[in-house]
Amino acid sequence: MDKIGILTAPLTADEIEWKVIAAKNGSTTIAPYIDARAVMTRLDRAFGAFGWSVRYTPAQVGNEHGVIASIAIRNPETGEWVEKQDGSGASDMEPFKGGISGALKRAATAWGIGRELYGYPRVVVEGEHRYIPFKVLDRLKGLPKAVAEGKPLPEVIRLTAEGENARKG
């Protein structure tokens, strides 16, 4: 597989984590994401430790503060450095570290890493949960493969806390 192919290959179940994005009105919505270490691993696999770099720059828009991450990759054929960037504001937990991590992940998306996550079905779990039930996580392990294979998927996946299909509601 070519280097860009390594970056843009669909994420595996081991590279994807899930987080609660809303828990209200008797249900919990969860979303897939990639963490910063998985981004770095993809970049290392494709270009080696010396074939890419990241630079962070503080940013401010109005009263909002954030960070811009610029990922530069050395073109193996020409030696030229090509850079793509994106930014993020502070996160709720560990605002500084979370902002840096968020900016890196968003810049990685500009390179194609994890871009398919934006096309994943919405996942709703019955009940209001602070943490995602293990059986739900087990059930979702097959989703990355289904996405990679282009299988038709519903717009919304509704599950019980036991990881079973929930009736529409």
Protein backbone atom coordinates (compact mmCIF):
# COMPACT_ATOMS: atom_id res chain seq x y z
CA MET A 1 0.00 0.00 0.00
CA ASP A 2 1.32 3.47 -0.84
CA LYS A 3 1.98 6.02 1.90
CA ILE A 4 -1.18 8.06 1.34
CA GLY A 5 -3.11 4.77 1.20
CA ILE A 6 -1.83 3.96 4.70
CA LEU A 7 -3.11 7.33 5.96
CA THR A 8 -6.52 7.10 4.31
CA ALA A 9 -7.21 3.40 4.91
CA PRO A 10 -10.37 2.97 7.00
CA LEU A 11 -9.76 2.89 10.73
CA THR A 12 -9.81 -0.47 12.46
CA ALA A 13 -11.82 -1.29 15.58
CA ASP A 14 -8.57 -1.05 17.58
CA GLU A 15 -8.01 2.54 16.42
CA ILE A 16 -11.52 3.76 17.20
CA GLU A 17 -12.77 4.83 20.59
CA TRP A 18 -16.29 5.86 21.53
CA LYS A 19 -17.51 8.71 23.70
CA VAL A 20 -20.81 9.84 25.14
CA ILE A 21 -21.89 13.06 23.43
CA ALA A 22 -25.38 13.38 24.95
CA ALA A 23 -27.39 11.62 27.65
CA LYS A 24 -30.90 13.00 27.99
CA ASN A 25 -34.57 12.18 27.48
CA GLY A 26 -34.02 8.51 28.25
CA SER A 27 -31.27 7.82 25.73
CA THR A 28 -27.53 8.22 25.23
CA THR A 29 -25.92 9.22 21.95
CA ILE A 30 -22.35 8.06 21.39
CA ALA A 31 -19.85 8.89 18.67
CA PRO A 32 -16.66 7.31 17.34
CA TYR A 33 -13.35 9.14 17.44
CA ILE A 34 -9.64 8.54 16.96
CA ASP A 35 -7.18 9.58 19.64
CA ALA A 36 -3.97 11.51 19.07
CA ARG A 37 -1.72 8.47 19.62
CA ALA A 38 -3.51 6.56 16.86
CA VAL A 39 -2.97 9.53 14.53
CA MET A 40 0.74 9.57 15.34
CA THR A 41 0.98 5.81 14.81
CA ARG A 42 -0.61 6.15 11.34
CA LEU A 43 1.82 8.94 10.42
CA ASP A 44 4.80 6.89 11.68
CA ARG A 45 3.65 3.81 9.73
CA ALA A 46 3.29 5.79 6.53
CA PHE A 47 6.30 8.10 6.67
CA GLY A 48 8.55 6.97 9.53
CA ALA A 49 9.53 9.04 12.53
CA PHE A 50 11.48 11.54 10.41
CA GLY A 51 9.01 11.89 7.54
CA TRP A 52 6.42 14.03 9.29
CA SER A 53 6.20 16.75 11.91
CA VAL A 54 3.57 18.71 13.78
CA ARG A 55 3.68 22.33 14.89
CA TYR A 56 1.17 24.01 17.21
CA THR A 57 0.30 27.69 17.09
CA PRO A 58 -1.94 29.57 19.55
CA ALA A 59 -5.01 31.07 17.92
CA GLN A 60 -7.71 33.52 18.91
CA VAL A 61 -11.00 34.37 17.20
CA GLY A 62 -12.87 37.06 19.09
CA ASN A 63 -12.79 36.03 22.75
CA GLU A 64 -12.26 32.34 21.95
CA HIS A 65 -8.79 30.87 22.37
CA GLY A 66 -7.55 27.71 20.73
CA VAL A 67 -4.68 26.11 18.89
CA ILE A 68 -3.84 25.38 15.26
CA ALA A 69 -2.02 22.13 14.49
CA SER A 70 0.00 21.98 11.28
CA ILE A 71 1.00 18.50 10.12
CA ALA A 72 3.84 18.58 7.61
CA ILE A 73 4.70 15.49 5.59
CA ARG A 74 7.82 15.08 3.49
CA ASN A 75 6.99 14.02 -0.06
CA PRO A 76 9.14 10.88 -0.46
CA GLU A 77 9.60 11.54 -4.19
CA THR A 78 10.58 15.22 -4.13
CA GLY A 79 11.68 15.80 -0.52
CA GLU A 80 9.31 18.79 -0.41
CA TRP A 81 7.39 19.37 2.82
CA VAL A 82 3.62 19.70 2.39
CA GLU A 83 1.54 21.03 5.27
CA LYS A 84 -2.15 20.83 6.18
CA GLN A 85 -3.67 22.38 9.26
CA ASP A 86 -6.79 22.74 11.35
CA GLY A 87 -7.64 24.03 14.78
CA SER A 88 -9.54 23.37 17.95
CA GLY A 89 -10.63 25.21 21.03
CA ALA A 90 -10.00 24.03 24.56
CA SER A 91 -11.81 20.87 25.65
CA ASP A 92 -13.97 20.40 28.74
CA MET A 93 -11.51 18.01 30.38
CA GLU A 94 -7.86 19.06 30.48
CA PRO A 95 -8.53 22.17 28.36
CA PHE A 96 -4.93 22.80 27.23
CA LYS A 97 -4.03 19.20 26.42
CA GLY A 98 -7.47 18.55 24.93
CA GLY A 99 -7.18 21.56 22.64
CA ILE A 100 -3.81 20.40 21.33
CA SER A 101 -5.08 16.84 20.85
CA GLY A 102 -8.24 18.08 19.13
CA ALA A 103 -6.25 20.27 16.74
CA LEU A 104 -3.94 17.35 15.85
CA LYS A 105 -6.89 15.06 15.14
CA ARG A 106 -8.61 17.71 13.01
CA ALA A 107 -5.41 18.34 11.03
CA ALA A 108 -5.06 14.57 10.56
CA THR A 109 -8.53 14.54 9.02
CA ALA A 110 -7.26 17.04 6.45
CA TRP A 111 -4.73 14.34 5.47
CA GLY A 112 -7.54 11.75 5.30
CA ILE A 113 -6.92 9.98 8.60
CA GLY A 114 -10.27 8.90 10.05
CA ARG A 115 -12.30 11.00 7.64
CA GLU A 116 -14.81 8.16 7.28
CA LEU A 117 -15.89 8.67 10.90
CA TYR A 118 -18.02 11.59 9.71
CA GLY A 119 -20.13 9.13 7.71
CA TYR A 120 -20.76 6.67 10.55
CA PRO A 121 -24.35 6.07 11.64
CA ARG A 122 -25.51 7.86 14.75
CA VAL A 123 -25.54 5.40 17.65
CA VAL A 124 -28.21 5.75 20.33
CA VAL A 125 -28.34 3.57 23.45
CA GLU A 126 -31.49 3.20 25.55
CA GLY A 127 -31.14 4.81 28.97
CA GLU A 128 -29.05 7.72 30.16
CA HIS A 129 -25.45 6.55 30.69
CA ARG A 130 -22.34 8.35 31.91
CA TYR A 131 -20.24 5.52 30.51
CA ILE A 132 -20.83 3.32 27.49
CA PRO A 133 -21.92 -0.20 28.49
CA PHE A 134 -19.30 -2.86 27.64
CA LYS A 135 -21.81 -4.93 25.70
CA VAL A 136 -22.53 -1.93 23.46
CA LEU A 137 -18.80 -1.48 22.82
CA ASP A 138 -18.51 -5.19 21.97
CA ARG A 139 -21.40 -4.89 19.54
CA LEU A 140 -19.79 -1.90 17.80
CA LYS A 141 -16.45 -3.68 17.15
CA GLY A 142 -17.77 -4.91 13.79
CA LEU A 143 -18.88 -1.47 12.60
CA PRO A 144 -15.49 -0.30 11.23
CA LYS A 145 -15.23 -3.41 9.04
CA ALA A 146 -18.79 -2.92 7.75
CA VAL A 147 -18.00 0.71 6.91
CA ALA A 148 -14.71 -0.26 5.21
CA GLU A 149 -16.52 -2.87 3.10
CA GLY A 150 -19.16 -0.34 2.06
CA LYS A 151 -22.04 -2.30 3.55
CA PRO A 152 -25.35 -0.43 3.68
CA LEU A 153 -25.93 0.86 7.18
CA PRO A 154 -28.88 2.62 8.79
CA GLU A 155 -28.67 6.31 9.51
CA VAL A 156 -29.23 5.57 13.22
CA ILE A 157 -28.27 2.43 15.14
CA ARG A 158 -30.45 1.97 18.23
CA LEU A 159 -29.18 -0.41 20.91
CA THR A 160 -30.14 -1.53 24.38
CA ALA A 161 -27.58 -1.38 27.19
CA GLU A 162 -27.10 -5.11 26.53
CA GLY A 163 -25.93 -4.36 22.97
CA GLU A 164 -29.09 -5.76 21.36
CA ASN A 165 -31.13 -3.99 18.68
CA ALA A 166 -33.62 -1.63 20.30
CA ARG A 167 -37.03 -0.95 18.93
CA LYS A 168 -37.49 2.46 17.36
CA GLY A 169 -38.79 5.04 19.70
